[in-house]
Amino acid sequence: MENALVKISVMLVPGLLAMMVHEVAHGYVAERFGDPTARMLGRLSLNPLRHLDPFGLLMLFLVGFGWAKPVPVNIQNFQRPRQDMVWIALAGPTANLVLATFSGILLQLLGGHGAAGIFHTKLLEPLVLMAGFSLFINLVLAVLNMLPVLPLDGGRMVAGILPEAQARSYSRIEPFGLVLVIVLIFFTPLWRAILLPLVSSGISLLAGSKVAVVHRVMQFLFSS
């Protein structure tokens, strides 16, 4: 029980921040294009209670990634709805990549005297663990959300780029999109063959010489 509480404490703040910033970025860019819906509903706040999806949070602890409540967008407020939605969709993964970059920088600063030594420094160990998980979860959210499946951000971008007739046909998959995503991730080789290597490459790039620390963090969090 104690070990589970430690794991939850390490994952909670970076996980919530990654999911909240992703949604706030959507709302912020939507407002820049003329839609104030997110601000009117208080969704440009970093108050986790405004964004929390209980099942998405549970999935974060169970499988290592989750989601917040989607920020509502009113496309009637846009001058060019389809084109504007491309940029709004792109904002979420971009925000996660920015957070991943800062997490990598923090990890390298904390590990300035060697990965092994800093990882066993009790005073800084919680920060190292959280920075390592933050790097991982933000890269996972960025990569997963770029899958070209509605209602994910990648699907929104595809729908905005396709000609209008094809976009309407493509949008018909949205009611089944979440089921399709679950099938693709858990029941096909997509995660191990493509998505995980992309995440691992991002970790290697951003963590630099401290990549072993991230691997150790993930082993600690997800080992039984």
C-alpha atoms as a PDB file:
ATOM      1  CA  MET A   1       0.000   0.000   0.000  1.00  0.00           C
ATOM      2  CA  GLU A   2       2.784   2.430   0.920  1.00  0.00           C
ATOM      3  CA  ASN A   3       4.566   1.761  -2.378  1.00  0.00           C
ATOM      4  CA  ALA A   4       1.331   2.419  -4.301  1.00  0.00           C
ATOM      5  CA  LEU A   5       0.862   5.752  -2.505  1.00  0.00           C
ATOM      6  CA  VAL A   6       4.410   6.777  -3.379  1.00  0.00           C
ATOM      7  CA  LYS A   7       3.783   5.965  -7.035  1.00  0.00           C
ATOM      8  CA  ILE A   8       0.525   7.934  -7.059  1.00  0.00           C
ATOM      9  CA  SER A   9       2.233  10.925  -5.433  1.00  0.00           C
ATOM     10  CA  VAL A  10       4.938  10.889  -8.111  1.00  0.00           C
ATOM     11  CA  MET A  11       2.481  10.608 -11.012  1.00  0.00           C
ATOM     12  CA  LEU A  12      -0.289  12.912  -9.785  1.00  0.00           C
ATOM     13  CA  VAL A  13       1.197  16.391 -10.260  1.00  0.00           C
ATOM     14  CA  PRO A  14       3.038  15.796 -13.569  1.00  0.00           C
ATOM     15  CA  GLY A  15       0.092  13.825 -14.951  1.00  0.00           C
ATOM     16  CA  LEU A  16      -2.526  16.409 -14.024  1.00  0.00           C
ATOM     17  CA  LEU A  17      -0.332  19.230 -15.332  1.00  0.00           C
ATOM     18  CA  ALA A  18       0.230  17.463 -18.658  1.00  0.00           C
ATOM     19  CA  MET A  19      -3.481  16.814 -19.173  1.00  0.00           C
ATOM     20  CA  MET A  20      -4.585  20.279 -18.021  1.00  0.00           C
ATOM     21  CA  VAL A  21      -2.060  22.207 -20.094  1.00  0.00           C
ATOM     22  CA  HIS A  22      -3.070  20.163 -23.136  1.00  0.00           C
ATOM     23  CA  GLU A  23      -6.707  21.251 -22.768  1.00  0.00           C
ATOM     24  CA  VAL A  24      -5.925  24.840 -21.764  1.00  0.00           C
ATOM     25  CA  ALA A  25      -3.810  25.171 -24.915  1.00  0.00           C
ATOM     26  CA  HIS A  26      -6.813  24.160 -27.027  1.00  0.00           C
ATOM     27  CA  GLY A  27      -8.985  26.739 -25.275  1.00  0.00           C
ATOM     28  CA  TYR A  28      -6.387  29.498 -25.493  1.00  0.00           C
ATOM     29  CA  VAL A  29      -5.844  29.076 -29.231  1.00  0.00           C
ATOM     30  CA  ALA A  30      -9.604  28.805 -29.799  1.00  0.00           C
ATOM     31  CA  GLU A  31     -10.008  32.148 -28.043  1.00  0.00           C
ATOM     32  CA  ARG A  32      -7.316  33.670 -30.258  1.00  0.00           C
ATOM     33  CA  PHE A  33      -9.412  32.613 -33.253  1.00  0.00           C
ATOM     34  CA  GLY A  34     -12.527  34.232 -31.801  1.00  0.00           C
ATOM     35  CA  ASP A  35     -14.189  31.623 -29.571  1.00  0.00           C
ATOM     36  CA  PRO A  36     -14.406  32.657 -25.877  1.00  0.00           C
ATOM     37  CA  THR A  37     -16.273  29.502 -24.802  1.00  0.00           C
ATOM     38  CA  ALA A  38     -13.393  28.017 -22.805  1.00  0.00           C
ATOM     39  CA  ARG A  39     -12.805  31.243 -20.877  1.00  0.00           C
ATOM     40  CA  MET A  40     -16.519  31.730 -20.223  1.00  0.00           C
ATOM     41  CA  LEU A  41     -16.680  28.230 -18.711  1.00  0.00           C
ATOM     42  CA  GLY A  42     -13.539  28.739 -16.640  1.00  0.00           C
ATOM     43  CA  ARG A  43     -11.539  26.217 -18.643  1.00  0.00           C
ATOM     44  CA  LEU A  44      -8.479  28.427 -19.157  1.00  0.00           C
ATOM     45  CA  SER A  45      -7.648  27.872 -15.493  1.00  0.00           C
ATOM     46  CA  LEU A  46      -5.000  25.495 -14.157  1.00  0.00           C
ATOM     47  CA  ASN A  47      -7.364  24.518 -11.344  1.00  0.00           C
ATOM     48  CA  PRO A  48      -7.430  20.715 -11.742  1.00  0.00           C
ATOM     49  CA  LEU A  49     -11.040  20.483 -10.549  1.00  0.00           C
ATOM     50  CA  ARG A  50     -12.187  22.352 -13.659  1.00  0.00           C
ATOM     51  CA  HIS A  51     -10.583  19.789 -15.956  1.00  0.00           C
ATOM     52  CA  LEU A  52     -10.676  16.529 -14.021  1.00  0.00           C
ATOM     53  CA  ASP A  53     -12.083  13.445 -15.700  1.00  0.00           C
ATOM     54  CA  PRO A  54     -12.173  10.742 -12.974  1.00  0.00           C
ATOM     55  CA  PHE A  55     -11.873   7.848 -15.416  1.00  0.00           C
ATOM     56  CA  GLY A  56      -9.073   9.580 -17.321  1.00  0.00           C
ATOM     57  CA  LEU A  57      -7.212  10.103 -14.033  1.00  0.00           C
ATOM     58  CA  LEU A  58      -7.704   6.452 -13.078  1.00  0.00           C
ATOM     59  CA  MET A  59      -6.273   5.364 -16.425  1.00  0.00           C
ATOM     60  CA  LEU A  60      -3.233   7.552 -15.778  1.00  0.00           C
ATOM     61  CA  PHE A  61      -2.409   5.493 -12.690  1.00  0.00           C
ATOM     62  CA  LEU A  62      -3.298   2.145 -14.284  1.00  0.00           C
ATOM     63  CA  VAL A  63      -1.672   2.339 -17.722  1.00  0.00           C
ATOM     64  CA  GLY A  64       0.527   5.453 -17.614  1.00  0.00           C
ATOM     65  CA  PHE A  65      -1.568   7.874 -19.645  1.00  0.00           C
ATOM     66  CA  GLY A  66      -4.954   9.508 -19.228  1.00  0.00           C
ATOM     67  CA  TRP A  67      -7.010  12.504 -20.235  1.00  0.00           C
ATOM     68  CA  ALA A  68      -8.898  15.518 -18.909  1.00  0.00           C
ATOM     69  CA  LYS A  69     -12.359  16.711 -19.896  1.00  0.00           C
ATOM     70  CA  PRO A  70     -12.206  18.104 -23.456  1.00  0.00           C
ATOM     71  CA  VAL A  71     -12.405  21.883 -23.700  1.00  0.00           C
ATOM     72  CA  PRO A  72     -15.650  22.864 -25.481  1.00  0.00           C
ATOM     73  CA  VAL A  73     -15.277  24.769 -28.741  1.00  0.00           C
ATOM     74  CA  ASN A  74     -18.012  26.595 -30.667  1.00  0.00           C
ATOM     75  CA  ILE A  75     -16.989  26.565 -34.322  1.00  0.00           C
ATOM     76  CA  GLN A  76     -19.672  29.145 -35.151  1.00  0.00           C
ATOM     77  CA  ASN A  77     -17.373  31.754 -33.624  1.00  0.00           C
ATOM     78  CA  PHE A  78     -14.626  31.084 -36.173  1.00  0.00           C
ATOM     79  CA  GLN A  79     -14.218  32.886 -39.471  1.00  0.00           C
ATOM     80  CA  ARG A  80     -12.648  29.805 -41.068  1.00  0.00           C
ATOM     81  CA  PRO A  81     -13.881  26.911 -38.914  1.00  0.00           C
ATOM     82  CA  ARG A  82     -12.126  24.009 -40.642  1.00  0.00           C
ATOM     83  CA  GLN A  83      -8.760  25.739 -40.997  1.00  0.00           C
ATOM     84  CA  ASP A  84      -8.898  27.215 -37.496  1.00  0.00           C
ATOM     85  CA  MET A  85      -9.627  23.802 -35.995  1.00  0.00           C
ATOM     86  CA  VAL A  86      -6.360  22.489 -37.413  1.00  0.00           C
ATOM     87  CA  TRP A  87      -4.377  24.991 -35.335  1.00  0.00           C
ATOM     88  CA  ILE A  88      -6.573  24.497 -32.270  1.00  0.00           C
ATOM     89  CA  ALA A  89      -6.040  20.732 -32.474  1.00  0.00           C
ATOM     90  CA  LEU A  90      -2.285  21.164 -32.947  1.00  0.00           C
ATOM     91  CA  ALA A  91      -2.046  23.352 -29.837  1.00  0.00           C
ATOM     92  CA  GLY A  92      -2.577  20.448 -27.417  1.00  0.00           C
ATOM     93  CA  PRO A  93       0.275  18.183 -28.565  1.00  0.00           C
ATOM     94  CA  THR A  94       2.507  21.232 -29.023  1.00  0.00           C
ATOM     95  CA  ALA A  95       1.920  22.240 -25.395  1.00  0.00           C
ATOM     96  CA  ASN A  96       2.869  18.714 -24.301  1.00  0.00           C
ATOM     97  CA  LEU A  97       6.074  18.872 -26.332  1.00  0.00           C
ATOM     98  CA  VAL A  98       6.964  22.177 -24.647  1.00  0.00           C
ATOM     99  CA  LEU A  99       6.356  20.635 -21.219  1.00  0.00           C
ATOM    100  CA  ALA A 100       8.401  17.584 -22.210  1.00  0.00           C
ATOM    101  CA  THR A 101      11.278  19.866 -23.206  1.00  0.00           C
ATOM    102  CA  PHE A 102      11.196  21.706 -19.874  1.00  0.00           C
ATOM    103  CA  SER A 103      10.994  18.359 -18.061  1.00  0.00           C
ATOM    104  CA  GLY A 104      14.090  17.155 -19.909  1.00  0.00           C
ATOM    105  CA  ILE A 105      15.966  20.342 -19.016  1.00  0.00           C
ATOM    106  CA  LEU A 106      14.955  20.000 -15.352  1.00  0.00           C
ATOM    107  CA  LEU A 107      16.011  16.371 -15.335  1.00  0.00           C
ATOM    108  CA  GLN A 108      19.441  17.239 -16.716  1.00  0.00           C
ATOM    109  CA  LEU A 109      19.879  20.072 -14.217  1.00  0.00           C
ATOM    110  CA  LEU A 110      18.950  17.822 -11.306  1.00  0.00           C
ATOM    111  CA  GLY A 111      21.239  15.112 -12.645  1.00  0.00           C
ATOM    112  CA  GLY A 112      24.206  17.382 -13.176  1.00  0.00           C
ATOM    113  CA  HIS A 113      26.517  15.251 -11.049  1.00  0.00           C
ATOM    114  CA  GLY A 114      25.654  11.912 -12.593  1.00  0.00           C
ATOM    115  CA  ALA A 115      22.489   9.925 -12.917  1.00  0.00           C
ATOM    116  CA  ALA A 116      23.278   7.308 -10.301  1.00  0.00           C
ATOM    117  CA  GLY A 117      24.366   9.779  -7.644  1.00  0.00           C
ATOM    118  CA  ILE A 118      21.494  12.218  -8.000  1.00  0.00           C
ATOM    119  CA  PHE A 119      18.871   9.467  -8.144  1.00  0.00           C
ATOM    120  CA  HIS A 120      19.915   8.335  -4.683  1.00  0.00           C
ATOM    121  CA  THR A 121      20.011  11.822  -3.187  1.00  0.00           C
ATOM    122  CA  LYS A 122      16.988  11.610  -0.910  1.00  0.00           C
ATOM    123  CA  LEU A 123      16.316  15.346  -0.903  1.00  0.00           C
ATOM    124  CA  LEU A 124      16.001  15.562  -4.686  1.00  0.00           C
ATOM    125  CA  GLU A 125      14.752  12.070  -5.475  1.00  0.00           C
ATOM    126  CA  PRO A 126      11.032  13.073  -5.591  1.00  0.00           C
ATOM    127  CA  LEU A 127      11.808  15.882  -8.058  1.00  0.00           C
ATOM    128  CA  VAL A 128      13.853  13.535 -10.218  1.00  0.00           C
ATOM    129  CA  LEU A 129      11.034  10.992 -10.234  1.00  0.00           C
ATOM    130  CA  MET A 130       8.443  13.621 -11.149  1.00  0.00           C
ATOM    131  CA  ALA A 131      10.628  15.167 -13.854  1.00  0.00           C
ATOM    132  CA  GLY A 132      11.228  11.737 -15.374  1.00  0.00           C
ATOM    133  CA  PHE A 133       7.536  10.880 -15.386  1.00  0.00           C
ATOM    134  CA  SER A 134       6.641  14.345 -16.697  1.00  0.00           C
ATOM    135  CA  LEU A 135       8.952  13.805 -19.658  1.00  0.00           C
ATOM    136  CA  PHE A 136       7.360  10.427 -20.347  1.00  0.00           C
ATOM    137  CA  ILE A 137       3.688  11.392 -19.963  1.00  0.00           C
ATOM    138  CA  ASN A 138       3.982  14.552 -22.056  1.00  0.00           C
ATOM    139  CA  LEU A 139       5.639  12.675 -24.908  1.00  0.00           C
ATOM    140  CA  VAL A 140       3.009   9.927 -24.695  1.00  0.00           C
ATOM    141  CA  LEU A 141       0.164  12.469 -24.838  1.00  0.00           C
ATOM    142  CA  ALA A 142       1.759  14.304 -27.757  1.00  0.00           C
ATOM    143  CA  VAL A 143       2.315  11.110 -29.757  1.00  0.00           C
ATOM    144  CA  LEU A 144      -1.053   9.495 -28.984  1.00  0.00           C
ATOM    145  CA  ASN A 145      -3.018  12.635 -29.756  1.00  0.00           C
ATOM    146  CA  MET A 146      -1.431  12.920 -33.180  1.00  0.00           C
ATOM    147  CA  LEU A 147      -2.981   9.625 -34.282  1.00  0.00           C
ATOM    148  CA  PRO A 148      -5.216  10.459 -37.268  1.00  0.00           C
ATOM    149  CA  VAL A 149      -8.354   9.126 -35.582  1.00  0.00           C
ATOM    150  CA  LEU A 150     -11.275  11.293 -34.473  1.00  0.00           C
ATOM    151  CA  PRO A 151     -11.812  12.568 -31.818  1.00  0.00           C
ATOM    152  CA  LEU A 152      -8.046  12.791 -31.238  1.00  0.00           C
ATOM    153  CA  ASP A 153      -6.202  15.937 -32.276  1.00  0.00           C
ATOM    154  CA  GLY A 154      -4.604  14.219 -35.239  1.00  0.00           C
ATOM    155  CA  GLY A 155      -8.067  13.301 -36.475  1.00  0.00           C
ATOM    156  CA  ARG A 156      -9.233  16.910 -36.092  1.00  0.00           C
ATOM    157  CA  MET A 157      -6.277  18.047 -38.163  1.00  0.00           C
ATOM    158  CA  VAL A 158      -6.985  15.503 -40.903  1.00  0.00           C
ATOM    159  CA  ALA A 159     -10.643  16.573 -40.990  1.00  0.00           C
ATOM    160  CA  GLY A 160      -9.580  20.193 -41.378  1.00  0.00           C
ATOM    161  CA  ILE A 161      -7.113  19.472 -44.167  1.00  0.00           C
ATOM    162  CA  LEU A 162      -9.236  17.134 -46.289  1.00  0.00           C
ATOM    163  CA  PRO A 163     -11.602  18.567 -48.908  1.00  0.00           C
ATOM    164  CA  GLU A 164     -15.003  19.209 -47.373  1.00  0.00           C
ATOM    165  CA  ALA A 165     -16.792  16.221 -48.915  1.00  0.00           C
ATOM    166  CA  GLN A 166     -14.076  13.786 -47.853  1.00  0.00           C
ATOM    167  CA  ALA A 167     -13.942  15.419 -44.404  1.00  0.00           C
ATOM    168  CA  ARG A 168     -17.645  14.749 -43.887  1.00  0.00           C
ATOM    169  CA  SER A 169     -17.170  11.089 -44.780  1.00  0.00           C
ATOM    170  CA  TYR A 170     -14.102  10.861 -42.557  1.00  0.00           C
ATOM    171  CA  SER A 171     -16.005  12.425 -39.631  1.00  0.00           C
ATOM    172  CA  ARG A 172     -18.434   9.496 -39.589  1.00  0.00           C
ATOM    173  CA  ILE A 173     -15.881   7.417 -37.708  1.00  0.00           C
ATOM    174  CA  GLU A 174     -15.918   9.798 -34.708  1.00  0.00           C
ATOM    175  CA  PRO A 175     -18.662   7.987 -32.715  1.00  0.00           C
ATOM    176  CA  PHE A 176     -16.486   4.863 -32.824  1.00  0.00           C
ATOM    177  CA  GLY A 177     -13.166   6.688 -32.490  1.00  0.00           C
ATOM    178  CA  LEU A 178     -12.376   5.972 -28.856  1.00  0.00           C
ATOM    179  CA  VAL A 179     -13.099   2.276 -29.282  1.00  0.00           C
ATOM    180  CA  LEU A 180     -10.882   2.260 -32.351  1.00  0.00           C
ATOM    181  CA  VAL A 181      -8.067   3.959 -30.448  1.00  0.00           C
ATOM    182  CA  ILE A 182      -8.297   1.393 -27.616  1.00  0.00           C
ATOM    183  CA  VAL A 183      -8.199  -1.465 -30.122  1.00  0.00           C
ATOM    184  CA  LEU A 184      -5.226   0.044 -31.957  1.00  0.00           C
ATOM    185  CA  ILE A 185      -3.203   0.611 -28.792  1.00  0.00           C
ATOM    186  CA  PHE A 186      -3.945  -2.545 -26.824  1.00  0.00           C
ATOM    187  CA  PHE A 187      -4.750  -5.156 -29.482  1.00  0.00           C
ATOM    188  CA  THR A 188      -2.445  -4.346 -32.395  1.00  0.00           C
ATOM    189  CA  PRO A 189       1.363  -3.926 -32.694  1.00  0.00           C
ATOM    190  CA  LEU A 190       0.916  -0.138 -33.153  1.00  0.00           C
ATOM    191  CA  TRP A 191       2.101   0.791 -29.665  1.00  0.00           C
ATOM    192  CA  ARG A 192       5.206  -1.400 -29.599  1.00  0.00           C
ATOM    193  CA  ALA A 193       6.104  -1.065 -33.274  1.00  0.00           C
ATOM    194  CA  ILE A 194       5.562   2.665 -33.822  1.00  0.00           C
ATOM    195  CA  LEU A 195       4.343   4.741 -30.878  1.00  0.00           C
ATOM    196  CA  LEU A 196       6.679   3.469 -28.148  1.00  0.00           C
ATOM    197  CA  PRO A 197       9.788   3.877 -30.362  1.00  0.00           C
ATOM    198  CA  LEU A 198       8.715   7.473 -31.043  1.00  0.00           C
ATOM    199  CA  VAL A 199       8.317   8.132 -27.325  1.00  0.00           C
ATOM    200  CA  SER A 200      11.661   6.448 -26.599  1.00  0.00           C
ATOM    201  CA  SER A 201      13.387   8.553 -29.255  1.00  0.00           C
ATOM    202  CA  GLY A 202      11.938  11.698 -27.692  1.00  0.00           C
ATOM    203  CA  ILE A 203      13.143  10.623 -24.250  1.00  0.00           C
ATOM    204  CA  SER A 204      16.635   9.973 -25.585  1.00  0.00           C
ATOM    205  CA  LEU A 205      16.698  13.378 -27.289  1.00  0.00           C
ATOM    206  CA  LEU A 206      15.376  15.419 -24.371  1.00  0.00           C
ATOM    207  CA  ALA A 207      16.879  13.530 -21.424  1.00  0.00           C
ATOM    208  CA  GLY A 208      20.313  13.327 -23.002  1.00  0.00           C
ATOM    209  CA  SER A 209      22.800  11.618 -20.720  1.00  0.00           C
ATOM    210  CA  LYS A 210      20.074  11.154 -18.098  1.00  0.00           C
ATOM    211  CA  VAL A 211      17.973   8.771 -20.209  1.00  0.00           C
ATOM    212  CA  ALA A 212      18.836   5.923 -17.832  1.00  0.00           C
ATOM    213  CA  VAL A 213      17.179   7.886 -15.029  1.00  0.00           C
ATOM    214  CA  VAL A 214      13.911   8.002 -16.976  1.00  0.00           C
ATOM    215  CA  HIS A 215      14.055   4.270 -17.609  1.00  0.00           C
ATOM    216  CA  ARG A 216      14.634   3.689 -13.901  1.00  0.00           C
ATOM    217  CA  VAL A 217      11.716   5.963 -13.013  1.00  0.00           C
ATOM    218  CA  MET A 218       9.397   4.074 -15.354  1.00  0.00           C
ATOM    219  CA  GLN A 219      10.569   0.744 -13.972  1.00  0.00           C
ATOM    220  CA  PHE A 220       9.842   1.976 -10.457  1.00  0.00           C
ATOM    221  CA  LEU A 221       6.380   3.285 -11.363  1.00  0.00           C
ATOM    222  CA  PHE A 222       5.135   0.406 -13.456  1.00  0.00           C
ATOM    223  CA  SER A 223       6.830  -2.658 -11.997  1.00  0.00           C
ATOM    224  CA  SER A 224       4.555  -4.826  -9.868  1.00  0.00           C
END
